[in-house]
């Protein structure tokens, strides 16, 4: 599961739909894998406006990545800053979670990740 994907996931528990604590899901005991992918600056530039920067920053710090700037860079800043572009490429596209869990900050439900696939099926009492 690419780290980019984590920026779009929220808790599936019905009671968490109205809580802001259900996003982002927090990685726990995660095993990270890095794949080398050719740089694609256009993809990063297209994805940047769709990202929740606060959630990305939280996820990155919880996984031990360097601290991201407080505010998302503008497209113009990103085009000029090759280092930031490379760091975002590595973080979003080359880094994957192969094993571990994603934990909801609201209800504490743990979604298991096995072989890079998260299990979002809920037990009947949480549906």
Foldseek 3Di string as FASTA:
>chain_A
DFPLVLQVDFAPQPVCPPPPQRPRFEWDPWDKDFDDDPQDLVVCLVCQVVGPVVRSQRRCVSVPHPGDDPDRDHSVVCVVDVVVSVSCCRRGPGMATAWGWTARRPPGDTFTHHRRDTDNDDDPVRD
